[in-house]
Each structure stands twice: as C-alpha cells, then as structure tokens.
PDB file of N, CA and C in Angstrom:
ATOM      1  N   LEU A   1     -17.914   1.501  -4.490  1.00  0.00           N
ATOM      2  CA  LEU A   1     -16.751   0.649  -4.598  1.00  0.00           C
ATOM      3  C   LEU A   1     -16.725  -0.271  -3.383  1.00  0.00           C
ATOM      4  N   TYR A   2     -16.453  -1.536  -3.626  1.00  0.00           N
ATOM      5  CA  TYR A   2     -16.323  -2.509  -2.548  1.00  0.00           C
ATOM      6  C   TYR A   2     -14.939  -3.138  -2.607  1.00  0.00           C
ATOM      7  N   ALA A   3     -14.398  -3.453  -1.438  1.00  0.00           N
ATOM      8  CA  ALA A   3     -13.100  -4.117  -1.340  1.00  0.00           C
ATOM      9  C   ALA A   3     -13.275  -5.402  -0.542  1.00  0.00           C
ATOM     10  N   LEU A   4     -12.560  -6.427  -0.937  1.00  0.00           N
ATOM     11  CA  LEU A   4     -12.610  -7.686  -0.202  1.00  0.00           C
ATOM     12  C   LEU A   4     -11.546  -7.650   0.885  1.00  0.00           C
ATOM     13  N   CYS A   5     -11.969  -7.708   2.129  1.00  0.00           N
ATOM     14  CA  CYS A   5     -11.059  -7.753   3.274  1.00  0.00           C
ATOM     15  C   CYS A   5     -10.617  -9.212   3.417  1.00  0.00           C
ATOM     16  N   MET A   6      -9.395  -9.484   2.990  1.00  0.00           N
ATOM     17  CA  MET A   6      -8.914 -10.866   2.884  1.00  0.00           C
ATOM     18  C   MET A   6      -8.886 -11.636   4.213  1.00  0.00           C
ATOM     19  N   PRO A   7      -8.424 -11.044   5.329  1.00  0.00           N
ATOM     20  CA  PRO A   7      -8.380 -11.840   6.569  1.00  0.00           C
ATOM     21  C   PRO A   7      -9.751 -12.388   6.991  1.00  0.00           C
ATOM     22  N   GLN A   8     -10.804 -11.581   6.802  1.00  0.00           N
ATOM     23  CA  GLN A   8     -12.150 -12.022   7.183  1.00  0.00           C
ATOM     24  C   GLN A   8     -12.960 -12.538   5.992  1.00  0.00           C
ATOM     25  N   MET A   9     -12.397 -12.418   4.776  1.00  0.00           N
ATOM     26  CA  MET A   9     -13.131 -12.778   3.557  1.00  0.00           C
ATOM     27  C   MET A   9     -14.516 -12.133   3.569  1.00  0.00           C
ATOM     28  N   ARG A  10     -14.497 -10.797   3.790  1.00  0.00           N
ATOM     29  CA  ARG A  10     -15.734 -10.022   3.918  1.00  0.00           C
ATOM     30  C   ARG A  10     -15.639  -8.798   3.020  1.00  0.00           C
ATOM     31  N   TRP A  11     -16.733  -8.499   2.295  1.00  0.00           N
ATOM     32  CA  TRP A  11     -16.786  -7.312   1.452  1.00  0.00           C
ATOM     33  C   TRP A  11     -17.067  -6.087   2.308  1.00  0.00           C
ATOM     34  N   VAL A  12     -16.345  -4.990   2.036  1.00  0.00           N
ATOM     35  CA  VAL A  12     -16.483  -3.745   2.781  1.00  0.00           C
ATOM     36  C   VAL A  12     -16.701  -2.610   1.782  1.00  0.00           C
ATOM     37  N   LYS A  13     -17.693  -1.761   2.030  1.00  0.00           N
ATOM     38  CA  LYS A  13     -17.925  -0.606   1.167  1.00  0.00           C
ATOM     39  C   LYS A  13     -16.860   0.445   1.464  1.00  0.00           C
ATOM     40  N   VAL A  14     -16.232   0.969   0.404  1.00  0.00           N
ATOM     41  CA  VAL A  14     -15.158   1.948   0.534  1.00  0.00           C
ATOM     42  C   VAL A  14     -15.656   3.292   0.007  1.00  0.00           C
ATOM     43  N   SER A  15     -15.486   4.346   0.795  1.00  0.00           N
ATOM     44  CA  SER A  15     -15.840   5.696   0.359  1.00  0.00           C
ATOM     45  C   SER A  15     -14.684   6.285  -0.421  1.00  0.00           C
ATOM     46  N   THR A  16     -14.982   6.884  -1.571  1.00  0.00           N
ATOM     47  CA  THR A  16     -13.964   7.516  -2.394  1.00  0.00           C
ATOM     48  C   THR A  16     -14.359   8.957  -2.670  1.00  0.00           C
ATOM     49  N   THR A  17     -13.368   9.754  -3.099  1.00  0.00           N
ATOM     50  CA  THR A  17     -13.611  11.128  -3.515  1.00  0.00           C
ATOM     51  C   THR A  17     -12.950  11.328  -4.871  1.00  0.00           C
ATOM     52  N   GLY A  18     -13.030  12.542  -5.376  1.00  0.00           N
ATOM     53  CA  GLY A  18     -12.384  12.856  -6.643  1.00  0.00           C
ATOM     54  C   GLY A  18     -13.334  12.742  -7.814  1.00  0.00           C
ATOM     55  N   ASP A  19     -12.771  12.383  -8.975  1.00  0.00           N
ATOM     56  CA  ASP A  19     -13.499  12.302 -10.238  1.00  0.00           C
ATOM     57  C   ASP A  19     -13.665  10.829 -10.616  1.00  0.00           C
ATOM     58  N   PRO A  20     -14.716  10.163 -10.103  1.00  0.00           N
ATOM     59  CA  PRO A  20     -14.868   8.718 -10.347  1.00  0.00           C
ATOM     60  C   PRO A  20     -15.342   8.410 -11.761  1.00  0.00           C
ATOM     61  N   PRO A  21     -15.095   7.183 -12.225  1.00  0.00           N
ATOM     62  CA  PRO A  21     -15.617   6.775 -13.527  1.00  0.00           C
ATOM     63  C   PRO A  21     -17.135   6.633 -13.477  1.00  0.00           C
ATOM     64  N   SER A  22     -17.751   6.732 -14.632  1.00  0.00           N
ATOM     65  CA  SER A  22     -19.194   6.519 -14.727  1.00  0.00           C
ATOM     66  C   SER A  22     -19.494   5.027 -14.505  1.00  0.00           C
ATOM     67  N   PRO A  23     -20.746   4.698 -14.151  1.00  0.00           N
ATOM     68  CA  PRO A  23     -21.097   3.284 -14.001  1.00  0.00           C
ATOM     69  C   PRO A  23     -20.836   2.523 -15.299  1.00  0.00           C
ATOM     70  N   ARG A  24     -20.341   1.277 -15.164  1.00  0.00           N
ATOM     71  CA  ARG A  24     -19.992   0.484 -16.345  1.00  0.00           C
ATOM     72  C   ARG A  24     -19.845  -0.980 -15.980  1.00  0.00           C
ATOM     73  N   THR A  25     -19.718  -1.790 -16.985  1.00  0.00           N
ATOM     74  CA  THR A  25     -19.420  -3.211 -16.843  1.00  0.00           C
ATOM     75  C   THR A  25     -18.363  -3.550 -17.889  1.00  0.00           C
ATOM     76  N   GLY A  26     -17.714  -4.669 -17.729  1.00  0.00           N
ATOM     77  CA  GLY A  26     -16.770  -5.133 -18.730  1.00  0.00           C
ATOM     78  C   GLY A  26     -15.464  -4.371 -18.788  1.00  0.00           C
ATOM     79  N   HIS A  27     -15.172  -3.556 -17.778  1.00  0.00           N
ATOM     80  CA  HIS A  27     -13.926  -2.801 -17.752  1.00  0.00           C
ATOM     81  C   HIS A  27     -12.768  -3.682 -17.292  1.00  0.00           C
ATOM     82  N   ALA A  28     -11.550  -3.219 -17.525  1.00  0.00           N
ATOM     83  CA  ALA A  28     -10.370  -3.933 -17.048  1.00  0.00           C
ATOM     84  C   ALA A  28      -9.733  -3.113 -15.934  1.00  0.00           C
ATOM     85  N   THR A  29      -9.218  -3.795 -14.919  1.00  0.00           N
ATOM     86  CA  THR A  29      -8.509  -3.122 -13.837  1.00  0.00           C
ATOM     87  C   THR A  29      -7.155  -3.772 -13.631  1.00  0.00           C
ATOM     88  N   LEU A  30      -6.246  -2.972 -13.118  1.00  0.00           N
ATOM     89  CA  LEU A  30      -4.880  -3.412 -12.889  1.00  0.00           C
ATOM     90  C   LEU A  30      -4.359  -2.651 -11.688  1.00  0.00           C
ATOM     91  N   VAL A  31      -3.700  -3.330 -10.759  1.00  0.00           N
ATOM     92  CA  VAL A  31      -3.084  -2.663  -9.619  1.00  0.00           C
ATOM     93  C   VAL A  31      -1.582  -2.610  -9.854  1.00  0.00           C
ATOM     94  N   VAL A  32      -1.053  -1.386  -9.805  1.00  0.00           N
ATOM     95  CA  VAL A  32       0.385  -1.161  -9.937  1.00  0.00           C
ATOM     96  C   VAL A  32       0.802  -0.337  -8.734  1.00  0.00           C
ATOM     97  N   GLY A  33       1.566  -0.948  -7.829  1.00  0.00           N
ATOM     98  CA  GLY A  33       1.939  -0.254  -6.594  1.00  0.00           C
ATOM     99  C   GLY A  33       0.697   0.079  -5.792  1.00  0.00           C
ATOM    100  N   SER A  34       0.504   1.366  -5.511  1.00  0.00           N
ATOM    101  CA  SER A  34      -0.662   1.801  -4.728  1.00  0.00           C
ATOM    102  C   SER A  34      -1.734   2.424  -5.613  1.00  0.00           C
ATOM    103  N   LYS A  35      -1.720   2.124  -6.900  1.00  0.00           N
ATOM    104  CA  LYS A  35      -2.701   2.680  -7.837  1.00  0.00           C
ATOM    105  C   LYS A  35      -3.522   1.571  -8.485  1.00  0.00           C
ATOM    106  N   LEU A  36      -4.826   1.778  -8.537  1.00  0.00           N
ATOM    107  CA  LEU A  36      -5.704   0.898  -9.285  1.00  0.00           C
ATOM    108  C   LEU A  36      -6.029   1.625 -10.583  1.00  0.00           C
ATOM    109  N   ILE A  37      -5.755   0.997 -11.707  1.00  0.00           N
ATOM    110  CA  ILE A  37      -5.979   1.595 -13.010  1.00  0.00           C
ATOM    111  C   ILE A  37      -7.185   0.920 -13.644  1.00  0.00           C
ATOM    112  N   LEU A  38      -8.119   1.712 -14.137  1.00  0.00           N
ATOM    113  CA  LEU A  38      -9.342   1.211 -14.757  1.00  0.00           C
ATOM    114  C   LEU A  38      -9.399   1.742 -16.185  1.00  0.00           C
ATOM    115  N   PHE A  39      -9.671   0.855 -17.145  1.00  0.00           N
ATOM    116  CA  PHE A  39      -9.755   1.276 -18.544  1.00  0.00           C
ATOM    117  C   PHE A  39     -10.968   0.655 -19.224  1.00  0.00           C
ATOM    118  N   GLY A  40     -11.676   1.496 -19.983  1.00  0.00           N
ATOM    119  CA  GLY A  40     -12.727   1.028 -20.871  1.00  0.00           C
ATOM    120  C   GLY A  40     -13.950   0.453 -20.194  1.00  0.00           C
ATOM    121  N   GLY A  41     -14.626  -0.419 -20.920  1.00  0.00           N
ATOM    122  CA  GLY A  41     -15.851  -1.041 -20.445  1.00  0.00           C
ATOM    123  C   GLY A  41     -17.035  -0.657 -21.316  1.00  0.00           C
ATOM    124  N   ASP A  42     -18.213  -0.918 -20.794  1.00  0.00           N
ATOM    125  CA  ASP A  42     -19.464  -0.696 -21.515  1.00  0.00           C
ATOM    126  C   ASP A  42     -20.434   0.002 -20.566  1.00  0.00           C
ATOM    127  N   ASP A  43     -20.969   1.152 -20.969  1.00  0.00           N
ATOM    128  CA  ASP A  43     -21.893   1.901 -20.110  1.00  0.00           C
ATOM    129  C   ASP A  43     -23.361   1.646 -20.442  1.00  0.00           C
ATOM    130  N   GLY A  44     -23.625   0.642 -21.280  1.00  0.00           N
ATOM    131  CA  GLY A  44     -24.994   0.341 -21.668  1.00  0.00           C
ATOM    132  C   GLY A  44     -25.410   1.056 -22.938  1.00  0.00           C
ATOM    133  N   VAL A  45     -24.637   2.051 -23.345  1.00  0.00           N
ATOM    134  CA  VAL A  45     -24.887   2.775 -24.588  1.00  0.00           C
ATOM    135  C   VAL A  45     -23.847   2.384 -25.627  1.00  0.00           C
ATOM    136  N   GLY A  46     -22.631   2.155 -25.154  1.00  0.00           N
ATOM    137  CA  GLY A  46     -21.549   1.773 -26.054  1.00  0.00           C
ATOM    138  C   GLY A  46     -20.270   1.484 -25.284  1.00  0.00           C
ATOM    139  N   TYR A  47     -19.253   1.092 -26.017  1.00  0.00           N
ATOM    140  CA  TYR A  47     -17.954   0.801 -25.409  1.00  0.00           C
ATOM    141  C   TYR A  47     -17.225   2.102 -25.088  1.00  0.00           C
ATOM    142  N   LEU A  48     -16.347   2.038 -24.074  1.00  0.00           N
ATOM    143  CA  LEU A  48     -15.612   3.201 -23.590  1.00  0.00           C
ATOM    144  C   LEU A  48     -14.109   2.991 -23.772  1.00  0.00           C
ATOM    145  N   ASN A  49     -13.361   4.089 -23.878  1.00  0.00           N
ATOM    146  CA  ASN A  49     -11.898   3.994 -23.893  1.00  0.00           C
ATOM    147  C   ASN A  49     -11.280   5.036 -22.964  1.00  0.00           C
ATOM    148  N   ASP A  50     -11.967   5.298 -21.856  1.00  0.00           N
ATOM    149  CA  ASP A  50     -11.446   6.259 -20.892  1.00  0.00           C
ATOM    150  C   ASP A  50     -10.593   5.562 -19.835  1.00  0.00           C
ATOM    151  N   LEU A  51      -9.775   6.346 -19.163  1.00  0.00           N
ATOM    152  CA  LEU A  51      -8.802   5.837 -18.204  1.00  0.00           C
ATOM    153  C   LEU A  51      -8.980   6.571 -16.881  1.00  0.00           C
ATOM    154  N   TYR A  52      -9.082   5.808 -15.791  1.00  0.00           N
ATOM    155  CA  TYR A  52      -9.202   6.381 -14.454  1.00  0.00           C
ATOM    156  C   TYR A  52      -8.198   5.707 -13.531  1.00  0.00           C
ATOM    157  N   ILE A  53      -7.747   6.470 -12.524  1.00  0.00           N
ATOM    158  CA  ILE A  53      -6.778   5.948 -11.564  1.00  0.00           C
ATOM    159  C   ILE A  53      -7.303   6.207 -10.161  1.00  0.00           C
ATOM    160  N   LEU A  54      -7.321   5.163  -9.343  1.00  0.00           N
ATOM    161  CA  LEU A  54      -7.714   5.285  -7.935  1.00  0.00           C
ATOM    162  C   LEU A  54      -6.467   5.113  -7.084  1.00  0.00           C
ATOM    163  N   ASP A  55      -6.141   6.129  -6.303  1.00  0.00           N
ATOM    164  CA  ASP A  55      -5.025   6.037  -5.357  1.00  0.00           C
ATOM    165  C   ASP A  55      -5.500   5.194  -4.175  1.00  0.00           C
ATOM    166  N   LEU A  56      -4.897   4.065  -3.957  1.00  0.00           N
ATOM    167  CA  LEU A  56      -5.356   3.132  -2.924  1.00  0.00           C
ATOM    168  C   LEU A  56      -4.930   3.537  -1.516  1.00  0.00           C
ATOM    169  N   THR A  57      -4.122   4.581  -1.386  1.00  0.00           N
ATOM    170  CA  THR A  57      -3.763   5.074  -0.052  1.00  0.00           C
ATOM    171  C   THR A  57      -4.709   6.180   0.406  1.00  0.00           C
ATOM    172  N   THR A  58      -5.229   6.968  -0.554  1.00  0.00           N
ATOM    173  CA  THR A  58      -6.136   8.076  -0.210  1.00  0.00           C
ATOM    174  C   THR A  58      -7.567   7.828  -0.676  1.00  0.00           C
ATOM    175  N   PHE A  59      -7.769   6.846  -1.548  1.00  0.00           N
ATOM    176  CA  PHE A  59      -9.063   6.534  -2.166  1.00  0.00           C
ATOM    177  C   PHE A  59      -9.641   7.736  -2.912  1.00  0.00           C
ATOM    178  N   VAL A  60      -8.759   8.414  -3.650  1.00  0.00           N
ATOM    179  CA  VAL A  60      -9.153   9.535  -4.494  1.00  0.00           C
ATOM    180  C   VAL A  60      -9.049   9.102  -5.955  1.00  0.00           C
ATOM    181  N   TRP A  61     -10.152   9.251  -6.696  1.00  0.00           N
ATOM    182  CA  TRP A  61     -10.186   8.959  -8.130  1.00  0.00           C
ATOM    183  C   TRP A  61      -9.657  10.150  -8.911  1.00  0.00           C
ATOM    184  N   ALA A  62      -8.963   9.894 -10.002  1.00  0.00           N
ATOM    185  CA  ALA A  62      -8.523  10.946 -10.922  1.00  0.00           C
ATOM    186  C   ALA A  62      -8.638  10.424 -12.341  1.00  0.00           C
ATOM    187  N   ARG A  63      -8.897  11.314 -13.258  1.00  0.00           N
ATOM    188  CA  ARG A  63      -8.922  10.979 -14.678  1.00  0.00           C
ATOM    189  C   ARG A  63      -7.487  10.696 -15.100  1.00  0.00           C
ATOM    190  N   GLY A  64      -7.250   9.623 -15.805  1.00  0.00           N
ATOM    191  CA  GLY A  64      -5.908   9.273 -16.245  1.00  0.00           C
ATOM    192  C   GLY A  64      -5.585   9.890 -17.595  1.00  0.00           C
ATOM    193  N   PHE A  65      -4.330  10.202 -17.798  1.00  0.00           N
ATOM    194  CA  PHE A  65      -3.866  10.755 -19.071  1.00  0.00           C
ATOM    195  C   PHE A  65      -2.663   9.953 -19.524  1.00  0.00           C
ATOM    196  N   SER A  66      -2.556   9.738 -20.802  1.00  0.00           N
ATOM    197  CA  SER A  66      -1.439   8.967 -21.349  1.00  0.00           C
ATOM    198  C   SER A  66      -0.957   9.630 -22.627  1.00  0.00           C
ATOM    199  N   THR A  67       0.168   9.156 -23.110  1.00  0.00           N
ATOM    200  CA  THR A  67       0.685   9.640 -24.385  1.00  0.00           C
ATOM    201  C   THR A  67       0.551   8.532 -25.414  1.00  0.00           C
ATOM    202  N   GLY A  68       0.768   8.860 -26.649  1.00  0.00           N
ATOM    203  CA  GLY A  68       0.648   7.859 -27.704  1.00  0.00           C
ATOM    204  C   GLY A  68      -0.789   7.715 -28.160  1.00  0.00           C
ATOM    205  N   THR A  69      -1.027   6.729 -28.974  1.00  0.00           N
ATOM    206  CA  THR A  69      -2.357   6.474 -29.517  1.00  0.00           C
ATOM    207  C   THR A  69      -3.206   5.727 -28.491  1.00  0.00           C
ATOM    208  N   THR A  70      -4.361   6.281 -28.182  1.00  0.00           N
ATOM    209  CA  THR A  70      -5.273   5.634 -27.234  1.00  0.00           C
ATOM    210  C   THR A  70      -5.898   4.411 -27.899  1.00  0.00           C
ATOM    211  N   PRO A  71      -5.945   3.279 -27.179  1.00  0.00           N
ATOM    212  CA  PRO A  71      -6.623   2.105 -27.756  1.00  0.00           C
ATOM    213  C   PRO A  71      -8.082   2.421 -28.061  1.00  0.00           C
ATOM    214  N   CYS A  72      -8.635   1.731 -29.027  1.00  0.00           N
ATOM    215  CA  CYS A  72     -10.046   1.939 -29.355  1.00  0.00           C
ATOM    216  C   CYS A  72     -10.921   1.491 -28.177  1.00  0.00           C
ATOM    217  N   ALA A  73     -12.151   1.979 -28.160  1.00  0.00           N
ATOM    218  CA  ALA A  73     -13.092   1.613 -27.102  1.00  0.00           C
ATOM    219  C   ALA A  73     -13.285   0.112 -27.092  1.00  0.00           C
ATOM    220  N   ARG A  74     -13.384  -0.452 -25.870  1.00  0.00           N
ATOM    221  CA  ARG A  74     -13.494  -1.908 -25.768  1.00  0.00           C
ATOM    222  C   ARG A  74     -14.140  -2.321 -24.438  1.00  0.00           C
ATOM    223  N   SER A  75     -14.564  -3.554 -24.384  1.00  0.00           N
ATOM    224  CA  SER A  75     -15.187  -4.111 -23.191  1.00  0.00           C
ATOM    225  C   SER A  75     -14.797  -5.582 -23.075  1.00  0.00           C
ATOM    226  N   ARG A  76     -14.799  -6.086 -21.856  1.00  0.00           N
ATOM    227  CA  ARG A  76     -14.471  -7.489 -21.562  1.00  0.00           C
ATOM    228  C   ARG A  76     -13.075  -7.860 -22.054  1.00  0.00           C
ATOM    229  N   HIS A  77     -12.111  -7.053 -21.660  1.00  0.00           N
ATOM    230  CA  HIS A  77     -10.716  -7.221 -22.045  1.00  0.00           C
ATOM    231  C   HIS A  77      -9.861  -7.358 -20.770  1.00  0.00           C
ATOM    232  N   THR A  78      -8.569  -7.493 -20.923  1.00  0.00           N
ATOM    233  CA  THR A  78      -7.679  -7.588 -19.775  1.00  0.00           C
ATOM    234  C   THR A  78      -6.515  -6.622 -19.931  1.00  0.00           C
ATOM    235  N   MET A  79      -5.804  -6.389 -18.827  1.00  0.00           N
ATOM    236  CA  MET A  79      -4.581  -5.579 -18.832  1.00  0.00           C
ATOM    237  C   MET A  79      -3.530  -6.312 -18.013  1.00  0.00           C
ATOM    238  N   VAL A  80      -2.279  -6.132 -18.374  1.00  0.00           N
ATOM    239  CA  VAL A  80      -1.161  -6.694 -17.608  1.00  0.00           C
ATOM    240  C   VAL A  80      -0.067  -5.638 -17.497  1.00  0.00           C
ATOM    241  N   ALA A  81       0.745  -5.775 -16.472  1.00  0.00           N
ATOM    242  CA  ALA A  81       1.890  -4.861 -16.290  1.00  0.00           C
ATOM    243  C   ALA A  81       3.156  -5.706 -16.285  1.00  0.00           C
TER     244      ALA A  81
END
C-alpha cells in the first residue's frame, strides 16, 4: 500500500497488518471518516464482490460485513457516501 504525502507530493510505502485484500485492479475505494473502504475489482481470474476496510489510524485491514443483498461482482466502478 502506498500513500501520497500531500505536503511533499511524495509517495510513501505504508506497512499494514490484519486481513488484507488479495491483489486486484479495478476496485473502488471510499474514505469515510478514518476508514478506507474497498469493494470488488478484478483479480485476473474474474470479478470480485468482497469488501475490506482499512483503519487509517492503525493501518489494520479487516474483512467487511454488511447486511442486505450484496452487489454482484464488478470491476471499474465507483462508490459515493
């Protein structure tokens, strides 16, 4: 994981722990408060519909859980809050 340090406009590698998502492309991310939410994408085999949350204060990944009907697997999409 890399973060853009805005004051210096420099990319910095960030160490994380927990249960990270598998490598992918085409996923959507959304920051809500101190949480980065990641959904879906493409792992090179097929589209995904999994949900992961990164706590931006501790940099710990966790598998996300939701209620209701999970959206179908998708890639190259967006999310809004």
